[in-house]
């Protein structure tokens, strides 16, 4: 019997090299159809990224030029107070945006998951701001937070003359005014993603929790939320992608003011490249933004995929 198994194993090993070329031609039409997408990804995304990094080491001004300038652009970048302000604002905006968007989105989804009356209408109202552009959202909240026309003026007209709420005109809290507009627009999408995840939970889990007398909040924290880990990861990726490139809201609401206190890295890049006509400085700032994204993505990818392979 052992000899028969050995003979069959030898025959299969000899036939394997002949099968490998045949595997290359499987789904050939699908592979050919995906070639344009692969070429676009390689040429446009990877190619332009490499091009930007290379030119960040040059002294490019109005037009890109390959005149090696070493690390002078990075030294100039990290000696600019405006760059430090933009990083601090992005850190505050990013951390708070992730926390509040996830928390508010999940709470709203949990409430709607109770199958309340008028769910479709409520869901549409909450999701509606996401259909607006960031420029429109910024202009709307610029008006709402205007102390002479918006919320502060309305409350004072009711008799509370001491009420003060003008975050867009206070350099210390202006980034929180931008955060309010971002939460108003982005929370609806996260709510829908979370609601889809909650609707995918088996009803038997809820029935078993009720039979065992487990409180609802414990069921969420100990059972439902761990089960929805992929949903939370997807939501975090979407939120993070919006945080890194936040630009429109700042331009529409404050234009970077007051006094440059609401600067963000994306605005610094745009101003360097187009307003100051300093492409090298803009490329250096873009490269630092890319590096920050890589620093975040590599540990996440290792924990997400490396652990599964080890398991």
C-alpha atoms as a PDB file:
ATOM      1  CA  UNK A   1       0.000   0.000   0.000  1.00  0.00           C
ATOM      2  CA  UNK A   2       2.842   2.394   0.873  1.00  0.00           C
ATOM      3  CA  UNK A   3       4.436   1.731  -2.511  1.00  0.00           C
ATOM      4  CA  UNK A   4       1.224   2.655  -4.280  1.00  0.00           C
ATOM      5  CA  UNK A   5       0.985   5.939  -2.340  1.00  0.00           C
ATOM      6  CA  UNK A   6       4.611   6.765  -3.093  1.00  0.00           C
ATOM      7  CA  UNK A   7       4.087   6.096  -6.793  1.00  0.00           C
ATOM      8  CA  UNK A   8       1.021   8.326  -6.916  1.00  0.00           C
ATOM      9  CA  UNK A   9       2.864  11.105  -5.057  1.00  0.00           C
ATOM     10  CA  UNK A  10       5.751  10.930  -7.543  1.00  0.00           C
ATOM     11  CA  UNK A  11       3.327  11.039 -10.464  1.00  0.00           C
ATOM     12  CA  UNK A  12       1.549  14.098  -9.015  1.00  0.00           C
ATOM     13  CA  UNK A  13       4.841  15.907  -8.391  1.00  0.00           C
ATOM     14  CA  UNK A  14       5.865  15.316 -11.991  1.00  0.00           C
ATOM     15  CA  UNK A  15       2.528  16.555 -13.284  1.00  0.00           C
ATOM     16  CA  UNK A  16       2.584  19.700 -11.105  1.00  0.00           C
ATOM     17  CA  UNK A  17       5.023  21.692 -13.311  1.00  0.00           C
ATOM     18  CA  UNK A  18       2.833  20.956 -16.293  1.00  0.00           C
ATOM     19  CA  UNK A  19      -0.240  22.238 -14.471  1.00  0.00           C
ATOM     20  CA  UNK A  20       1.328  25.516 -13.356  1.00  0.00           C
ATOM     21  CA  UNK A  21       1.418  27.117 -16.832  1.00  0.00           C
ATOM     22  CA  UNK A  22      -2.226  26.157 -17.268  1.00  0.00           C
ATOM     23  CA  UNK A  23      -3.137  28.059 -14.071  1.00  0.00           C
ATOM     24  CA  UNK A  24      -1.742  31.241 -15.582  1.00  0.00           C
ATOM     25  CA  UNK A  25      -4.382  31.098 -18.304  1.00  0.00           C
ATOM     26  CA  UNK A  26      -7.310  30.573 -15.955  1.00  0.00           C
ATOM     27  CA  UNK A  27      -9.745  33.516 -15.968  1.00  0.00           C
ATOM     28  CA  UNK A  28      -7.622  35.065 -18.695  1.00  0.00           C
ATOM     29  CA  UNK A  29     -10.358  37.474 -19.771  1.00  0.00           C
ATOM     30  CA  UNK A  30     -10.726  38.785 -16.202  1.00  0.00           C
ATOM     31  CA  UNK A  31      -6.980  39.280 -15.907  1.00  0.00           C
ATOM     32  CA  UNK A  32      -6.846  41.163 -19.206  1.00  0.00           C
ATOM     33  CA  UNK A  33      -9.790  43.330 -18.140  1.00  0.00           C
ATOM     34  CA  UNK A  34      -8.016  44.244 -14.900  1.00  0.00           C
ATOM     35  CA  UNK A  35      -4.821  45.355 -16.669  1.00  0.00           C
ATOM     36  CA  UNK A  36      -5.945  49.004 -17.141  1.00  0.00           C
ATOM     37  CA  UNK A  37      -6.765  49.271 -13.432  1.00  0.00           C
ATOM     38  CA  UNK A  38      -3.393  47.764 -12.491  1.00  0.00           C
ATOM     39  CA  UNK A  39      -1.553  50.104 -14.864  1.00  0.00           C
ATOM     40  CA  UNK A  40      -3.418  53.119 -13.485  1.00  0.00           C
ATOM     41  CA  UNK A  41      -2.588  52.089  -9.921  1.00  0.00           C
ATOM     42  CA  UNK A  42       1.092  51.554 -10.732  1.00  0.00           C
ATOM     43  CA  UNK A  43       1.660  54.515 -13.041  1.00  0.00           C
ATOM     44  CA  UNK A  44      -0.610  57.142 -11.510  1.00  0.00           C
ATOM     45  CA  UNK A  45      -0.523  56.377  -7.805  1.00  0.00           C
ATOM     46  CA  UNK A  46       2.850  54.716  -7.280  1.00  0.00           C
ATOM     47  CA  UNK A  47       4.576  56.676 -10.041  1.00  0.00           C
ATOM     48  CA  UNK A  48       3.304  60.058  -8.910  1.00  0.00           C
ATOM     49  CA  UNK A  49       4.124  59.242  -5.299  1.00  0.00           C
ATOM     50  CA  UNK A  50       7.723  58.407  -6.193  1.00  0.00           C
ATOM     51  CA  UNK A  51       7.903  61.524  -8.385  1.00  0.00           C
ATOM     52  CA  UNK A  52       6.701  63.698  -5.491  1.00  0.00           C
ATOM     53  CA  UNK A  53       9.179  62.186  -3.025  1.00  0.00           C
ATOM     54  CA  UNK A  54      12.094  62.622  -5.446  1.00  0.00           C
ATOM     55  CA  UNK A  55      11.244  66.277  -6.136  1.00  0.00           C
ATOM     56  CA  UNK A  56      10.937  66.992  -2.425  1.00  0.00           C
ATOM     57  CA  UNK A  57      14.756  66.836  -2.366  1.00  0.00           C
ATOM     58  CA  UNK A  58      15.060  69.492  -5.076  1.00  0.00           C
ATOM     59  CA  UNK A  59      14.848  73.276  -5.129  1.00  0.00           C
ATOM     60  CA  UNK A  60      11.779  73.325  -7.384  1.00  0.00           C
ATOM     61  CA  UNK A  61       9.985  76.642  -7.389  1.00  0.00           C
ATOM     62  CA  UNK A  62       7.325  77.520  -9.974  1.00  0.00           C
ATOM     63  CA  UNK A  63       8.159  74.464 -12.126  1.00  0.00           C
ATOM     64  CA  UNK A  64       9.625  71.100 -11.067  1.00  0.00           C
ATOM     65  CA  UNK A  65      13.311  70.658 -11.774  1.00  0.00           C
ATOM     66  CA  UNK A  66      15.807  67.959 -10.862  1.00  0.00           C
ATOM     67  CA  UNK A  67      18.386  70.118  -9.114  1.00  0.00           C
ATOM     68  CA  UNK A  68      19.400  68.176  -6.011  1.00  0.00           C
ATOM     69  CA  UNK A  69      19.090  70.266  -2.868  1.00  0.00           C
ATOM     70  CA  UNK A  70      19.440  67.636  -0.157  1.00  0.00           C
ATOM     71  CA  UNK A  71      17.333  67.995   2.982  1.00  0.00           C
ATOM     72  CA  UNK A  72      17.029  71.780   2.815  1.00  0.00           C
ATOM     73  CA  UNK A  73      13.275  71.650   2.098  1.00  0.00           C
ATOM     74  CA  UNK A  74      12.692  69.444   5.138  1.00  0.00           C
ATOM     75  CA  UNK A  75      14.877  71.640   7.330  1.00  0.00           C
ATOM     76  CA  UNK A  76      12.887  74.665   6.196  1.00  0.00           C
ATOM     77  CA  UNK A  77       9.639  72.796   6.764  1.00  0.00           C
ATOM     78  CA  UNK A  78      10.439  71.789  10.337  1.00  0.00           C
ATOM     79  CA  UNK A  79      11.664  75.275  11.196  1.00  0.00           C
ATOM     80  CA  UNK A  80       8.332  76.865  10.184  1.00  0.00           C
ATOM     81  CA  UNK A  81       5.951  77.544  13.114  1.00  0.00           C
ATOM     82  CA  UNK A  82       3.000  77.347  10.743  1.00  0.00           C
ATOM     83  CA  UNK A  83       3.783  73.684  10.033  1.00  0.00           C
ATOM     84  CA  UNK A  84       3.788  72.850  13.747  1.00  0.00           C
ATOM     85  CA  UNK A  85       0.418  74.586  14.148  1.00  0.00           C
ATOM     86  CA  UNK A  86      -1.013  72.540  11.278  1.00  0.00           C
ATOM     87  CA  UNK A  87       0.240  69.267  12.787  1.00  0.00           C
ATOM     88  CA  UNK A  88      -1.181  70.132  16.202  1.00  0.00           C
ATOM     89  CA  UNK A  89      -4.540  71.017  14.671  1.00  0.00           C
ATOM     90  CA  UNK A  90      -4.609  67.802  12.644  1.00  0.00           C
ATOM     91  CA  UNK A  91      -3.808  65.728  15.737  1.00  0.00           C
ATOM     92  CA  UNK A  92      -6.585  67.365  17.783  1.00  0.00           C
ATOM     93  CA  UNK A  93      -9.060  67.209  14.922  1.00  0.00           C
ATOM     94  CA  UNK A  94      -8.143  63.619  14.029  1.00  0.00           C
ATOM     95  CA  UNK A  95      -8.293  62.108  17.518  1.00  0.00           C
ATOM     96  CA  UNK A  96     -11.554  63.823  18.472  1.00  0.00           C
ATOM     97  CA  UNK A  97     -13.103  63.139  15.076  1.00  0.00           C
ATOM     98  CA  UNK A  98     -12.394  59.406  15.344  1.00  0.00           C
ATOM     99  CA  UNK A  99     -13.715  59.162  18.890  1.00  0.00           C
ATOM    100  CA  UNK A 100     -16.894  61.214  18.474  1.00  0.00           C
ATOM    101  CA  UNK A 101     -17.779  60.002  14.970  1.00  0.00           C
ATOM    102  CA  UNK A 102     -17.539  56.358  16.029  1.00  0.00           C
ATOM    103  CA  UNK A 103     -19.346  56.942  19.330  1.00  0.00           C
ATOM    104  CA  UNK A 104     -22.166  59.069  17.927  1.00  0.00           C
ATOM    105  CA  UNK A 105     -22.540  56.888  14.842  1.00  0.00           C
ATOM    106  CA  UNK A 106     -22.774  53.718  16.913  1.00  0.00           C
ATOM    107  CA  UNK A 107     -25.233  55.203  19.422  1.00  0.00           C
ATOM    108  CA  UNK A 108     -27.507  56.462  16.641  1.00  0.00           C
ATOM    109  CA  UNK A 109     -27.295  53.090  14.893  1.00  0.00           C
ATOM    110  CA  UNK A 110     -28.118  51.262  18.133  1.00  0.00           C
ATOM    111  CA  UNK A 111     -31.164  53.477  18.661  1.00  0.00           C
ATOM    112  CA  UNK A 112     -32.393  52.946  15.107  1.00  0.00           C
ATOM    113  CA  UNK A 113     -31.777  49.219  15.431  1.00  0.00           C
ATOM    114  CA  UNK A 114     -34.553  49.106  18.026  1.00  0.00           C
ATOM    115  CA  UNK A 115     -36.912  49.495  15.018  1.00  0.00           C
ATOM    116  CA  UNK A 116     -38.439  52.759  16.182  1.00  0.00           C
ATOM    117  CA  UNK A 117     -41.318  54.448  14.372  1.00  0.00           C
ATOM    118  CA  UNK A 118     -40.261  56.681  11.482  1.00  0.00           C
ATOM    119  CA  UNK A 119     -36.863  55.021  11.170  1.00  0.00           C
ATOM    120  CA  UNK A 120     -36.599  55.684   7.431  1.00  0.00           C
ATOM    121  CA  UNK A 121     -37.280  59.400   7.863  1.00  0.00           C
ATOM    122  CA  UNK A 122     -34.837  59.765  10.754  1.00  0.00           C
ATOM    123  CA  UNK A 123     -32.144  57.843   8.888  1.00  0.00           C
ATOM    124  CA  UNK A 124     -32.605  60.051   5.820  1.00  0.00           C
ATOM    125  CA  UNK A 125     -32.394  63.251   7.873  1.00  0.00           C
ATOM    126  CA  UNK A 126     -29.202  62.152   9.637  1.00  0.00           C
ATOM    127  CA  UNK A 127     -27.588  60.925   6.416  1.00  0.00           C
ATOM    128  CA  UNK A 128     -28.578  63.989   4.367  1.00  0.00           C
ATOM    129  CA  UNK A 129     -25.578  66.181   5.360  1.00  0.00           C
ATOM    130  CA  UNK A 130     -23.242  63.581   3.839  1.00  0.00           C
ATOM    131  CA  UNK A 131     -24.747  64.366   0.426  1.00  0.00           C
ATOM    132  CA  UNK A 132     -23.502  67.954   0.685  1.00  0.00           C
ATOM    133  CA  UNK A 133     -20.035  69.015  -0.363  1.00  0.00           C
ATOM    134  CA  UNK A 134     -17.547  70.060   2.303  1.00  0.00           C
ATOM    135  CA  UNK A 135     -17.610  73.601   0.935  1.00  0.00           C
ATOM    136  CA  UNK A 136     -21.375  73.864   1.422  1.00  0.00           C
ATOM    137  CA  UNK A 137     -21.080  72.354   4.900  1.00  0.00           C
ATOM    138  CA  UNK A 138     -18.345  74.814   5.787  1.00  0.00           C
ATOM    139  CA  UNK A 139     -20.361  77.788   4.600  1.00  0.00           C
ATOM    140  CA  UNK A 140     -23.482  76.613   6.458  1.00  0.00           C
ATOM    141  CA  UNK A 141     -21.603  76.237   9.728  1.00  0.00           C
ATOM    142  CA  UNK A 142     -19.748  79.484   9.165  1.00  0.00           C
ATOM    143  CA  UNK A 143     -23.147  81.157   9.243  1.00  0.00           C
ATOM    144  CA  UNK A 144     -24.440  79.102  12.197  1.00  0.00           C
ATOM    145  CA  UNK A 145     -21.336  79.897  14.276  1.00  0.00           C
ATOM    146  CA  UNK A 146     -21.250  83.555  13.267  1.00  0.00           C
ATOM    147  CA  UNK A 147     -21.691  85.539  16.524  1.00  0.00           C
ATOM    148  CA  UNK A 148     -23.685  88.312  14.830  1.00  0.00           C
ATOM    149  CA  UNK A 149     -26.021  86.158  12.722  1.00  0.00           C
ATOM    150  CA  UNK A 150     -25.991  82.605  14.034  1.00  0.00           C
ATOM    151  CA  UNK A 151     -26.457  80.656  17.246  1.00  0.00           C
ATOM    152  CA  UNK A 152     -24.991  83.254  19.602  1.00  0.00           C
ATOM    153  CA  UNK A 153     -27.234  86.000  18.217  1.00  0.00           C
ATOM    154  CA  UNK A 154     -30.350  83.816  18.460  1.00  0.00           C
ATOM    155  CA  UNK A 155     -29.709  82.807  22.076  1.00  0.00           C
ATOM    156  CA  UNK A 156     -28.990  86.413  23.083  1.00  0.00           C
ATOM    157  CA  UNK A 157     -32.259  87.497  21.457  1.00  0.00           C
ATOM    158  CA  UNK A 158     -34.011  85.140  23.895  1.00  0.00           C
ATOM    159  CA  UNK A 159     -32.609  87.098  26.834  1.00  0.00           C
ATOM    160  CA  UNK A 160     -29.293  85.405  27.643  1.00  0.00           C
ATOM    161  CA  UNK A 161     -27.107  88.407  26.854  1.00  0.00           C
ATOM    162  CA  UNK A 162     -24.046  86.843  28.487  1.00  0.00           C
ATOM    163  CA  UNK A 163     -24.112  83.766  26.228  1.00  0.00           C
ATOM    164  CA  UNK A 164     -20.949  83.518  24.122  1.00  0.00           C
ATOM    165  CA  UNK A 165     -20.295  80.916  21.451  1.00  0.00           C
ATOM    166  CA  UNK A 166     -17.984  82.037  18.657  1.00  0.00           C
ATOM    167  CA  UNK A 167     -15.382  79.277  18.163  1.00  0.00           C
ATOM    168  CA  UNK A 168     -14.473  80.367  14.631  1.00  0.00           C
ATOM    169  CA  UNK A 169     -13.286  83.733  15.968  1.00  0.00           C
ATOM    170  CA  UNK A 170     -11.289  82.390  18.919  1.00  0.00           C
ATOM    171  CA  UNK A 171      -7.785  81.186  18.027  1.00  0.00           C
ATOM    172  CA  UNK A 172      -7.694  78.785  20.991  1.00  0.00           C
ATOM    173  CA  UNK A 173     -10.834  76.811  20.051  1.00  0.00           C
ATOM    174  CA  UNK A 174     -11.251  77.422  16.316  1.00  0.00           C
ATOM    175  CA  UNK A 175     -10.336  73.818  15.465  1.00  0.00           C
ATOM    176  CA  UNK A 176     -13.319  72.657  17.560  1.00  0.00           C
ATOM    177  CA  UNK A 177     -15.651  74.765  15.435  1.00  0.00           C
ATOM    178  CA  UNK A 178     -14.352  72.953  12.358  1.00  0.00           C
ATOM    179  CA  UNK A 179     -14.777  69.648  14.203  1.00  0.00           C
ATOM    180  CA  UNK A 180     -18.477  70.389  14.797  1.00  0.00           C
ATOM    181  CA  UNK A 181     -19.068  70.810  11.060  1.00  0.00           C
ATOM    182  CA  UNK A 182     -17.125  67.618  10.280  1.00  0.00           C
ATOM    183  CA  UNK A 183     -19.148  65.591  12.786  1.00  0.00           C
ATOM    184  CA  UNK A 184     -22.410  66.964  11.405  1.00  0.00           C
ATOM    185  CA  UNK A 185     -21.504  65.814   7.913  1.00  0.00           C
ATOM    186  CA  UNK A 186     -19.696  62.524   8.534  1.00  0.00           C
ATOM    187  CA  UNK A 187     -21.645  60.940  11.378  1.00  0.00           C
ATOM    188  CA  UNK A 188     -24.549  59.898   9.150  1.00  0.00           C
ATOM    189  CA  UNK A 189     -22.408  57.664   6.946  1.00  0.00           C
ATOM    190  CA  UNK A 190     -20.839  55.932   9.941  1.00  0.00           C
ATOM    191  CA  UNK A 191     -24.305  55.479  11.434  1.00  0.00           C
ATOM    192  CA  UNK A 192     -25.470  53.662   8.279  1.00  0.00           C
ATOM    193  CA  UNK A 193     -22.388  51.423   8.265  1.00  0.00           C
ATOM    194  CA  UNK A 194     -22.886  50.579  11.944  1.00  0.00           C
ATOM    195  CA  UNK A 195     -26.610  49.973  11.400  1.00  0.00           C
ATOM    196  CA  UNK A 196     -25.839  47.522   8.607  1.00  0.00           C
ATOM    197  CA  UNK A 197     -23.469  45.711  10.956  1.00  0.00           C
ATOM    198  CA  UNK A 198     -26.055  45.586  13.744  1.00  0.00           C
ATOM    199  CA  UNK A 199     -28.711  44.273  11.365  1.00  0.00           C
ATOM    200  CA  UNK A 200     -26.326  41.427  10.521  1.00  0.00           C
ATOM    201  CA  UNK A 201     -26.262  40.191  14.137  1.00  0.00           C
ATOM    202  CA  UNK A 202     -28.257  37.028  14.667  1.00  0.00           C
ATOM    203  CA  UNK A 203     -31.466  37.589  16.641  1.00  0.00           C
ATOM    204  CA  UNK A 204     -30.744  34.421  18.629  1.00  0.00           C
ATOM    205  CA  UNK A 205     -27.889  36.251  20.361  1.00  0.00           C
ATOM    206  CA  UNK A 206     -30.302  38.881  21.691  1.00  0.00           C
ATOM    207  CA  UNK A 207     -32.785  36.205  22.765  1.00  0.00           C
ATOM    208  CA  UNK A 208     -30.069  34.255  24.593  1.00  0.00           C
ATOM    209  CA  UNK A 209     -28.872  37.423  26.347  1.00  0.00           C
ATOM    210  CA  UNK A 210     -32.421  38.221  27.513  1.00  0.00           C
ATOM    211  CA  UNK A 211     -32.942  34.662  28.774  1.00  0.00           C
ATOM    212  CA  UNK A 212     -29.668  34.833  30.739  1.00  0.00           C
ATOM    213  CA  UNK A 213     -30.670  38.205  32.162  1.00  0.00           C
ATOM    214  CA  UNK A 214     -27.697  40.072  30.689  1.00  0.00           C
ATOM    215  CA  UNK A 215     -28.255  43.858  30.577  1.00  0.00           C
ATOM    216  CA  UNK A 216     -28.480  45.449  27.140  1.00  0.00           C
ATOM    217  CA  UNK A 217     -25.348  47.563  27.609  1.00  0.00           C
ATOM    218  CA  UNK A 218     -23.338  44.481  28.601  1.00  0.00           C
ATOM    219  CA  UNK A 219     -24.592  42.647  25.533  1.00  0.00           C
ATOM    220  CA  UNK A 220     -23.334  45.504  23.384  1.00  0.00           C
ATOM    221  CA  UNK A 221     -19.937  45.848  25.068  1.00  0.00           C
ATOM    222  CA  UNK A 222     -19.143  42.152  25.569  1.00  0.00           C
ATOM    223  CA  UNK A 223     -20.818  40.502  22.567  1.00  0.00           C
ATOM    224  CA  UNK A 224     -22.036  42.829  19.816  1.00  0.00           C
ATOM    225  CA  UNK A 225     -19.116  45.261  19.566  1.00  0.00           C
ATOM    226  CA  UNK A 226     -16.441  42.490  19.455  1.00  0.00           C
ATOM    227  CA  UNK A 227     -18.468  40.781  16.719  1.00  0.00           C
ATOM    228  CA  UNK A 228     -18.554  44.028  14.727  1.00  0.00           C
ATOM    229  CA  UNK A 229     -14.775  44.465  14.653  1.00  0.00           C
ATOM    230  CA  UNK A 230     -14.584  44.482  10.808  1.00  0.00           C
ATOM    231  CA  UNK A 231     -17.291  47.164  10.714  1.00  0.00           C
ATOM    232  CA  UNK A 232     -15.340  49.338  13.137  1.00  0.00           C
ATOM    233  CA  UNK A 233     -12.137  48.855  11.126  1.00  0.00           C
ATOM    234  CA  UNK A 234     -13.915  49.919   7.917  1.00  0.00           C
ATOM    235  CA  UNK A 235     -15.339  52.968   9.674  1.00  0.00           C
ATOM    236  CA  UNK A 236     -11.934  53.939  11.054  1.00  0.00           C
ATOM    237  CA  UNK A 237     -10.333  53.705   7.611  1.00  0.00           C
ATOM    238  CA  UNK A 238     -13.036  55.947   6.120  1.00  0.00           C
ATOM    239  CA  UNK A 239     -12.723  58.472   8.941  1.00  0.00           C
ATOM    240  CA  UNK A 240      -8.914  58.503   8.767  1.00  0.00           C
ATOM    241  CA  UNK A 241      -8.934  59.082   5.006  1.00  0.00           C
ATOM    242  CA  UNK A 242     -11.102  62.149   5.531  1.00  0.00           C
ATOM    243  CA  UNK A 243      -8.965  63.450   8.390  1.00  0.00           C
ATOM    244  CA  UNK A 244      -5.660  63.415   6.517  1.00  0.00           C
ATOM    245  CA  UNK A 245      -7.017  65.348   3.545  1.00  0.00           C
ATOM    246  CA  UNK A 246      -9.214  67.823   5.462  1.00  0.00           C
ATOM    247  CA  UNK A 247      -8.990  71.055   3.498  1.00  0.00           C
ATOM    248  CA  UNK A 248     -12.357  72.186   2.140  1.00  0.00           C
ATOM    249  CA  UNK A 249     -13.927  72.707   5.561  1.00  0.00           C
ATOM    250  CA  UNK A 250     -11.049  74.888   6.713  1.00  0.00           C
ATOM    251  CA  UNK A 251     -11.105  77.014   3.562  1.00  0.00           C
ATOM    252  CA  UNK A 252     -14.886  77.457   3.663  1.00  0.00           C
ATOM    253  CA  UNK A 253     -15.144  78.189   7.385  1.00  0.00           C
ATOM    254  CA  UNK A 254     -12.016  80.107   8.368  1.00  0.00           C
ATOM    255  CA  UNK A 255      -9.568  80.263   5.461  1.00  0.00           C
ATOM    256  CA  UNK A 256      -6.898  79.225   7.957  1.00  0.00           C
ATOM    257  CA  UNK A 257      -7.643  82.047  10.391  1.00  0.00           C
ATOM    258  CA  UNK A 258      -7.847  83.719  12.738  1.00  0.00           C
ATOM    259  CA  UNK A 259      -4.158  84.475  12.418  1.00  0.00           C
ATOM    260  CA  UNK A 260      -3.300  81.073  10.942  1.00  0.00           C
ATOM    261  CA  UNK A 261      -4.611  79.242  14.033  1.00  0.00           C
ATOM    262  CA  UNK A 262      -6.704  76.788  11.980  1.00  0.00           C
ATOM    263  CA  UNK A 263      -3.977  75.702   9.564  1.00  0.00           C
ATOM    264  CA  UNK A 264      -3.874  72.036   8.522  1.00  0.00           C
ATOM    265  CA  UNK A 265      -1.186  70.157   6.545  1.00  0.00           C
ATOM    266  CA  UNK A 266      -3.268  69.930   3.354  1.00  0.00           C
ATOM    267  CA  UNK A 267      -3.729  73.703   3.325  1.00  0.00           C
ATOM    268  CA  UNK A 268      -0.023  74.212   3.979  1.00  0.00           C
ATOM    269  CA  UNK A 269       0.756  72.047   0.940  1.00  0.00           C
ATOM    270  CA  UNK A 270      -1.668  73.922  -1.304  1.00  0.00           C
ATOM    271  CA  UNK A 271      -0.431  77.323  -0.167  1.00  0.00           C
ATOM    272  CA  UNK A 272       3.200  76.337  -0.653  1.00  0.00           C
ATOM    273  CA  UNK A 273       2.670  74.953  -4.132  1.00  0.00           C
ATOM    274  CA  UNK A 274       0.273  77.523  -5.581  1.00  0.00           C
ATOM    275  CA  UNK A 275       0.281  80.682  -3.437  1.00  0.00           C
ATOM    276  CA  UNK A 276       4.002  80.736  -2.604  1.00  0.00           C
ATOM    277  CA  UNK A 277       4.979  78.957  -5.862  1.00  0.00           C
ATOM    278  CA  UNK A 278       7.374  76.735  -3.945  1.00  0.00           C
ATOM    279  CA  UNK A 279       6.830  73.231  -5.286  1.00  0.00           C
ATOM    280  CA  UNK A 280       9.772  71.779  -3.365  1.00  0.00           C
ATOM    281  CA  UNK A 281       8.326  72.878  -0.031  1.00  0.00           C
ATOM    282  CA  UNK A 282       4.897  71.561  -0.977  1.00  0.00           C
ATOM    283  CA  UNK A 283       6.393  68.227  -2.041  1.00  0.00           C
ATOM    284  CA  UNK A 284       8.279  67.975   1.265  1.00  0.00           C
ATOM    285  CA  UNK A 285       5.092  68.608   3.255  1.00  0.00           C
ATOM    286  CA  UNK A 286       3.228  66.052   1.112  1.00  0.00           C
ATOM    287  CA  UNK A 287       5.958  63.486   1.755  1.00  0.00           C
ATOM    288  CA  UNK A 288       5.678  64.026   5.510  1.00  0.00           C
ATOM    289  CA  UNK A 289       1.916  63.491   5.276  1.00  0.00           C
ATOM    290  CA  UNK A 290       2.532  60.271   3.347  1.00  0.00           C
ATOM    291  CA  UNK A 291       5.075  59.154   5.946  1.00  0.00           C
ATOM    292  CA  UNK A 292       2.589  59.722   8.762  1.00  0.00           C
ATOM    293  CA  UNK A 293      -0.002  57.596   6.953  1.00  0.00           C
ATOM    294  CA  UNK A 294       2.549  54.803   6.430  1.00  0.00           C
ATOM    295  CA  UNK A 295       3.557  54.903  10.102  1.00  0.00           C
ATOM    296  CA  UNK A 296      -0.083  54.332  11.034  1.00  0.00           C
ATOM    297  CA  UNK A 297      -0.899  51.753   8.350  1.00  0.00           C
ATOM    298  CA  UNK A 298       2.098  49.425   8.763  1.00  0.00           C
ATOM    299  CA  UNK A 299       1.421  48.484  12.433  1.00  0.00           C
ATOM    300  CA  UNK A 300      -2.300  48.143  11.668  1.00  0.00           C
ATOM    301  CA  UNK A 301      -1.640  45.913   8.645  1.00  0.00           C
ATOM    302  CA  UNK A 302       0.796  43.805  10.653  1.00  0.00           C
ATOM    303  CA  UNK A 303      -1.673  43.304  13.483  1.00  0.00           C
ATOM    304  CA  UNK A 304      -4.592  42.750  11.102  1.00  0.00           C
ATOM    305  CA  UNK A 305      -2.988  40.319   8.652  1.00  0.00           C
ATOM    306  CA  UNK A 306       0.211  39.125  10.320  1.00  0.00           C
ATOM    307  CA  UNK A 307      -1.668  37.773  13.312  1.00  0.00           C
ATOM    308  CA  UNK A 308      -4.041  35.817  11.080  1.00  0.00           C
ATOM    309  CA  UNK A 309      -1.151  34.187   9.231  1.00  0.00           C
ATOM    310  CA  UNK A 310       0.514  33.197  12.499  1.00  0.00           C
ATOM    311  CA  UNK A 311      -2.813  31.832  13.733  1.00  0.00           C
END
